Amino acid sequence: MHLQKKLVVINNSEKEESATILSDIGKFADIRYNEWDSGYVEALISENLIDPATVREEGNKLFFRPDDDLTYDELDSFLMRFYEPEPGMRDIPVDECVRRARKLGIDTRTDDSNEVLIV
């Protein structure tokens, strides 16, 4: 699927610092309209694949954190939300995503650590 390819490249670190924020992606202060990944983030937003618990908040600004490390819990959240076929039903809390990923054998951690998966 097209969206699966977008999930794979979301952590690439290329960016352009001088860009302005895209109004419909303006939900996140660190996603700018002419960055290579803005379309991918827009797809994640429209498909309801971003859990609010995985977003950093500073004051009244939200940060998607595309250049931060990806943790196991965050990956579980993306995958389990994507696994739900109906976008309107994807409001699944991170802890529930982790539980489902473990039940399906996707997440095979034996402890509750939330280590960095992708740097």
C-alpha atoms as a PDB file:
ATOM      1  CA  MET A   1       0.000   0.000   0.000  1.00  0.00           C
ATOM      2  CA  HIS A   2       1.071   3.570  -0.604  1.00  0.00           C
ATOM      3  CA  LEU A   3       0.717   4.565   3.064  1.00  0.00           C
ATOM      4  CA  GLN A   4       3.029   1.765   4.219  1.00  0.00           C
ATOM      5  CA  LYS A   5       5.852   3.265   2.165  1.00  0.00           C
ATOM      6  CA  LYS A   6       5.268   6.597   3.854  1.00  0.00           C
ATOM      7  CA  LEU A   7       5.637   5.055   7.310  1.00  0.00           C
ATOM      8  CA  VAL A   8       9.011   3.570   6.398  1.00  0.00           C
ATOM      9  CA  VAL A   9      10.680   6.876   5.493  1.00  0.00           C
ATOM     10  CA  ILE A  10       9.217   9.113   8.195  1.00  0.00           C
ATOM     11  CA  ASN A  11      12.442   9.242  10.248  1.00  0.00           C
ATOM     12  CA  ASN A  12      14.797  10.403   7.476  1.00  0.00           C
ATOM     13  CA  SER A  13      16.657  13.416   8.840  1.00  0.00           C
ATOM     14  CA  GLU A  14      16.674  15.702   5.781  1.00  0.00           C
ATOM     15  CA  LYS A  15      15.081  19.082   6.386  1.00  0.00           C
ATOM     16  CA  GLU A  16      15.089  22.682   5.294  1.00  0.00           C
ATOM     17  CA  GLU A  17      15.324  25.117   8.193  1.00  0.00           C
ATOM     18  CA  SER A  18      14.156  28.255   6.372  1.00  0.00           C
ATOM     19  CA  ALA A  19      10.662  27.028   5.501  1.00  0.00           C
ATOM     20  CA  THR A  20       7.391  28.394   6.801  1.00  0.00           C
ATOM     21  CA  ILE A  21       4.741  26.249   8.461  1.00  0.00           C
ATOM     22  CA  LEU A  22       2.061  24.811   6.176  1.00  0.00           C
ATOM     23  CA  SER A  23      -1.327  25.980   7.414  1.00  0.00           C
ATOM     24  CA  ASP A  24      -3.079  22.602   7.217  1.00  0.00           C
ATOM     25  CA  ILE A  25      -0.088  20.891   8.865  1.00  0.00           C
ATOM     26  CA  GLY A  26       0.270  23.842  11.243  1.00  0.00           C
ATOM     27  CA  LYS A  27      -0.908  21.462  13.936  1.00  0.00           C
ATOM     28  CA  PHE A  28       2.801  20.712  14.464  1.00  0.00           C
ATOM     29  CA  ALA A  29       5.313  23.518  14.935  1.00  0.00           C
ATOM     30  CA  ASP A  30       8.192  21.389  13.617  1.00  0.00           C
ATOM     31  CA  ILE A  31       6.653  20.375  10.270  1.00  0.00           C
ATOM     32  CA  ARG A  32       7.175  22.929   7.519  1.00  0.00           C
ATOM     33  CA  TYR A  33       5.440  23.021   4.154  1.00  0.00           C
ATOM     34  CA  ASN A  34       8.476  22.503   1.925  1.00  0.00           C
ATOM     35  CA  GLU A  35      10.241  19.826   3.938  1.00  0.00           C
ATOM     36  CA  TRP A  36      10.470  16.485   2.155  1.00  0.00           C
ATOM     37  CA  ASP A  37       8.362  14.763   4.844  1.00  0.00           C
ATOM     38  CA  SER A  38       5.461  17.238   5.172  1.00  0.00           C
ATOM     39  CA  GLY A  39       3.232  15.249   2.810  1.00  0.00           C
ATOM     40  CA  TYR A  40       3.915  12.067   4.739  1.00  0.00           C
ATOM     41  CA  VAL A  41       3.024  13.711   8.039  1.00  0.00           C
ATOM     42  CA  GLU A  42      -0.124  15.142   6.441  1.00  0.00           C
ATOM     43  CA  ALA A  43      -1.079  11.577   5.428  1.00  0.00           C
ATOM     44  CA  LEU A  44      -0.462  10.345   8.985  1.00  0.00           C
ATOM     45  CA  ILE A  45      -2.722  13.114  10.308  1.00  0.00           C
ATOM     46  CA  SER A  46      -5.515  12.493   7.799  1.00  0.00           C
ATOM     47  CA  GLU A  47      -5.413   8.740   8.457  1.00  0.00           C
ATOM     48  CA  ASN A  48      -5.502   9.277  12.263  1.00  0.00           C
ATOM     49  CA  LEU A  49      -2.233   7.401  12.792  1.00  0.00           C
ATOM     50  CA  ILE A  50      -0.659   9.844  15.245  1.00  0.00           C
ATOM     51  CA  ASP A  51      -1.453   9.229  18.895  1.00  0.00           C
ATOM     52  CA  PRO A  52      -1.525  12.498  20.882  1.00  0.00           C
ATOM     53  CA  ALA A  53       0.487  10.753  23.623  1.00  0.00           C
ATOM     54  CA  THR A  54       3.434  10.409  21.214  1.00  0.00           C
ATOM     55  CA  VAL A  55       3.513  14.151  20.481  1.00  0.00           C
ATOM     56  CA  ARG A  56       5.548  16.606  22.570  1.00  0.00           C
ATOM     57  CA  GLU A  57       3.766  19.722  23.826  1.00  0.00           C
ATOM     58  CA  GLU A  58       5.486  22.973  24.783  1.00  0.00           C
ATOM     59  CA  GLY A  59       3.120  25.699  25.859  1.00  0.00           C
ATOM     60  CA  ASN A  60       0.437  25.904  23.179  1.00  0.00           C
ATOM     61  CA  LYS A  61       2.606  24.278  20.479  1.00  0.00           C
ATOM     62  CA  LEU A  62       2.673  20.620  19.432  1.00  0.00           C
ATOM     63  CA  PHE A  63       5.791  18.922  18.061  1.00  0.00           C
ATOM     64  CA  PHE A  64       5.671  15.796  15.896  1.00  0.00           C
ATOM     65  CA  ARG A  65       9.424  15.242  16.498  1.00  0.00           C
ATOM     66  CA  PRO A  66      10.382  13.777  13.084  1.00  0.00           C
ATOM     67  CA  ASP A  67      14.082  13.883  13.956  1.00  0.00           C
ATOM     68  CA  ASP A  68      13.763  12.211  17.374  1.00  0.00           C
ATOM     69  CA  ASP A  69      14.438   8.539  18.013  1.00  0.00           C
ATOM     70  CA  LEU A  70      11.482   6.166  17.551  1.00  0.00           C
ATOM     71  CA  THR A  71      10.568   4.002  20.559  1.00  0.00           C
ATOM     72  CA  TYR A  72       8.967   0.570  20.558  1.00  0.00           C
ATOM     73  CA  ASP A  73       5.748   1.999  22.030  1.00  0.00           C
ATOM     74  CA  GLU A  74       5.536   4.640  19.276  1.00  0.00           C
ATOM     75  CA  LEU A  75       6.035   2.007  16.578  1.00  0.00           C
ATOM     76  CA  ASP A  76       3.374  -0.194  18.194  1.00  0.00           C
ATOM     77  CA  SER A  77       1.044   2.815  18.152  1.00  0.00           C
ATOM     78  CA  PHE A  78       1.600   3.469  14.436  1.00  0.00           C
ATOM     79  CA  LEU A  79       1.227  -0.189  13.508  1.00  0.00           C
ATOM     80  CA  MET A  80      -1.875  -0.951  15.563  1.00  0.00           C
ATOM     81  CA  ARG A  81      -3.604   2.237  14.430  1.00  0.00           C
ATOM     82  CA  PHE A  82      -2.733   1.325  10.830  1.00  0.00           C
ATOM     83  CA  TYR A  83      -3.996  -2.225  11.430  1.00  0.00           C
ATOM     84  CA  GLU A  84      -7.441  -0.774  12.253  1.00  0.00           C
ATOM     85  CA  PRO A  85      -9.101  -0.428   8.805  1.00  0.00           C
ATOM     86  CA  GLU A  86     -11.462   2.421   9.755  1.00  0.00           C
ATOM     87  CA  PRO A  87      -9.645   5.750  10.420  1.00  0.00           C
ATOM     88  CA  GLY A  88     -12.495   6.882  12.690  1.00  0.00           C
ATOM     89  CA  MET A  89     -11.811   3.925  14.981  1.00  0.00           C
ATOM     90  CA  ARG A  90      -8.067   4.594  15.342  1.00  0.00           C
ATOM     91  CA  ASP A  91      -8.219   6.552  18.590  1.00  0.00           C
ATOM     92  CA  ILE A  92      -6.426   3.756  20.406  1.00  0.00           C
ATOM     93  CA  PRO A  93      -4.257   4.698  23.425  1.00  0.00           C
ATOM     94  CA  VAL A  94      -0.562   3.763  23.294  1.00  0.00           C
ATOM     95  CA  ASP A  95      -0.838   1.205  26.119  1.00  0.00           C
ATOM     96  CA  GLU A  96      -3.673  -0.560  24.270  1.00  0.00           C
ATOM     97  CA  CYS A  97      -1.613  -0.525  21.050  1.00  0.00           C
ATOM     98  CA  VAL A  98       1.282  -2.146  22.926  1.00  0.00           C
ATOM     99  CA  ARG A  99      -1.068  -4.783  24.387  1.00  0.00           C
ATOM    100  CA  ARG A 100      -2.486  -5.592  20.930  1.00  0.00           C
ATOM    101  CA  ALA A 101       0.957  -5.696  19.287  1.00  0.00           C
ATOM    102  CA  ARG A 102       2.153  -8.144  21.933  1.00  0.00           C
ATOM    103  CA  LYS A 103      -0.953 -10.291  21.583  1.00  0.00           C
ATOM    104  CA  LEU A 104      -0.418 -10.478  17.801  1.00  0.00           C
ATOM    105  CA  GLY A 105       3.278 -11.310  18.255  1.00  0.00           C
ATOM    106  CA  ILE A 106       4.433  -8.080  16.579  1.00  0.00           C
ATOM    107  CA  ASP A 107       6.044  -6.751  19.755  1.00  0.00           C
ATOM    108  CA  THR A 108       8.065  -9.515  21.369  1.00  0.00           C
ATOM    109  CA  ARG A 109       9.566  -7.551  24.259  1.00  0.00           C
ATOM    110  CA  THR A 110       9.521  -9.505  27.499  1.00  0.00           C
ATOM    111  CA  ASP A 111       9.573  -6.467  29.775  1.00  0.00           C
ATOM    112  CA  ASP A 112       7.897  -3.054  29.907  1.00  0.00           C
ATOM    113  CA  SER A 113      10.934  -1.097  28.725  1.00  0.00           C
ATOM    114  CA  ASN A 114      10.310   1.507  26.055  1.00  0.00           C
ATOM    115  CA  GLU A 115      13.713   1.464  24.443  1.00  0.00           C
ATOM    116  CA  VAL A 116      14.720   3.372  21.349  1.00  0.00           C
ATOM    117  CA  LEU A 117      14.060   1.293  18.270  1.00  0.00           C
ATOM    118  CA  ILE A 118      15.312   3.561  15.452  1.00  0.00           C
ATOM    119  CA  VAL A 119      17.899   6.259  16.000  1.00  0.00           C
END
